[in-house]
């Protein structure tokens, strides 16, 4: 189990099971756990979706895509990373225009 403090001080957990799920679905992230955790700690953009899951985005340069997205949500009193993936700027604009935007501190 990996633990990181989010941009707002919240403790976020990444379980072995979730990391296996992420890397199975997105094998390009297999050796990028440190980047995923760093995105949670220091995001460039933060959004909250209708079910209160937090989406943190980190802008990338010279990588496979434009942004790294990490989604976490509170479950049973703890916050857990649910998934992570790369996305393009175009796709980001489409997806996040209706979500509530937060200011990372």
Protein backbone atom coordinates (compact mmCIF):
# COMPACT_ATOMS: atom_id res chain seq x y z
CA UNK A 1 0.00 0.00 0.00
CA UNK A 2 1.35 3.41 -1.00
CA UNK A 3 0.30 6.60 0.76
CA UNK A 4 0.55 10.19 -0.47
CA UNK A 5 -0.77 13.54 0.77
CA UNK A 6 -3.01 15.24 -1.77
CA UNK A 7 -2.68 18.90 -2.70
CA UNK A 8 -5.14 19.77 0.11
CA UNK A 9 -3.51 17.60 2.79
CA UNK A 10 -5.89 14.64 2.47
CA UNK A 11 -4.28 11.22 2.88
CA UNK A 12 -4.68 9.19 -0.34
CA UNK A 13 -4.03 5.44 -0.54
CA UNK A 14 -3.00 3.34 -3.52
CA UNK A 15 -3.52 -0.37 -2.89
CA UNK A 16 -1.63 -3.17 -4.62
CA UNK A 17 -4.92 -4.38 -6.14
CA UNK A 18 -5.67 -0.94 -7.64
CA UNK A 19 -2.13 -0.57 -8.99
CA UNK A 20 -2.47 -3.98 -10.70
CA UNK A 21 -5.82 -2.85 -12.14
CA UNK A 22 -4.30 0.39 -13.43
CA UNK A 23 -1.29 -1.27 -15.03
CA UNK A 24 -3.41 -4.05 -16.52
CA UNK A 25 -5.74 -1.54 -18.18
CA UNK A 26 -2.99 1.02 -18.92
CA UNK A 27 0.33 -0.85 -19.31
CA UNK A 28 2.10 2.35 -20.35
CA UNK A 29 1.93 3.36 -16.65
CA UNK A 30 3.65 0.22 -15.36
CA UNK A 31 6.83 1.96 -14.21
CA UNK A 32 5.16 5.31 -13.47
CA UNK A 33 3.85 4.86 -9.91
CA UNK A 34 6.02 7.74 -8.66
CA UNK A 35 4.52 10.04 -11.34
CA UNK A 36 0.99 9.00 -10.38
CA UNK A 37 1.63 9.76 -6.71
CA UNK A 38 3.37 13.04 -7.59
CA UNK A 39 0.36 14.10 -9.68
CA UNK A 40 -1.89 13.62 -6.63
CA UNK A 41 0.45 15.64 -4.42
CA UNK A 42 1.08 18.46 -6.89
CA UNK A 43 -1.55 18.65 -9.66
CA UNK A 44 -1.92 21.37 -12.27
CA UNK A 45 -5.72 21.07 -12.40
CA UNK A 46 -8.33 19.53 -10.09
CA UNK A 47 -11.96 18.67 -10.84
CA UNK A 48 -14.80 17.02 -8.90
CA UNK A 49 -17.26 14.87 -10.81
CA UNK A 50 -20.98 14.34 -10.04
CA UNK A 51 -20.28 11.37 -7.70
CA UNK A 52 -17.70 13.41 -5.75
CA UNK A 53 -14.64 11.64 -7.15
CA UNK A 54 -11.62 13.93 -7.46
CA UNK A 55 -9.79 14.08 -10.80
CA UNK A 56 -6.26 15.50 -10.62
CA UNK A 57 -4.44 16.34 -13.83
CA UNK A 58 -0.74 16.88 -14.35
CA UNK A 59 0.51 18.48 -17.58
CA UNK A 60 3.25 16.51 -19.29
CA UNK A 61 5.99 17.37 -21.74
CA UNK A 62 7.85 14.92 -23.94
CA UNK A 63 5.65 12.00 -22.89
CA UNK A 64 3.11 9.67 -24.42
CA UNK A 65 0.29 12.23 -24.05
CA UNK A 66 -0.51 15.75 -22.82
CA UNK A 67 -1.87 14.98 -19.34
CA UNK A 68 -1.76 12.35 -16.64
CA UNK A 69 -5.16 11.91 -14.95
CA UNK A 70 -5.50 10.32 -11.51
CA UNK A 71 -8.96 9.74 -10.01
CA UNK A 72 -9.51 9.12 -6.31
CA UNK A 73 -12.59 8.85 -4.15
CA UNK A 74 -13.53 8.53 -0.49
CA UNK A 75 -14.71 5.03 0.47
CA UNK A 76 -15.27 3.73 3.98
CA UNK A 77 -13.68 6.81 5.54
CA UNK A 78 -10.46 6.65 3.47
CA UNK A 79 -9.55 8.12 0.08
CA UNK A 80 -8.35 5.60 -2.50
CA UNK A 81 -6.93 6.03 -5.98
CA UNK A 82 -9.37 4.35 -8.35
CA UNK A 83 -7.55 4.71 -11.67
CA UNK A 84 -4.95 6.65 -13.63
CA UNK A 85 -4.42 7.16 -17.34
CA UNK A 86 -3.00 9.48 -19.97
CA UNK A 87 -5.25 11.81 -21.94
CA UNK A 88 -4.89 14.41 -24.67
CA UNK A 89 -5.64 18.12 -24.27
CA UNK A 90 -8.54 17.81 -26.69
CA UNK A 91 -10.12 14.97 -24.75
CA UNK A 92 -9.52 16.77 -21.46
CA UNK A 93 -11.37 19.85 -22.69
CA UNK A 94 -14.37 17.78 -23.72
CA UNK A 95 -14.56 15.71 -20.56
CA UNK A 96 -13.98 18.34 -17.90
CA UNK A 97 -16.01 21.30 -19.14
CA UNK A 98 -19.02 20.27 -17.00
CA UNK A 99 -17.13 19.25 -13.86
CA UNK A 100 -16.60 21.54 -10.88
CA UNK A 101 -13.06 22.92 -10.94
CA UNK A 102 -11.09 23.33 -7.72
CA UNK A 103 -7.97 25.40 -7.15
CA UNK A 104 -4.98 23.28 -6.15
CA UNK A 105 -3.26 24.93 -3.20
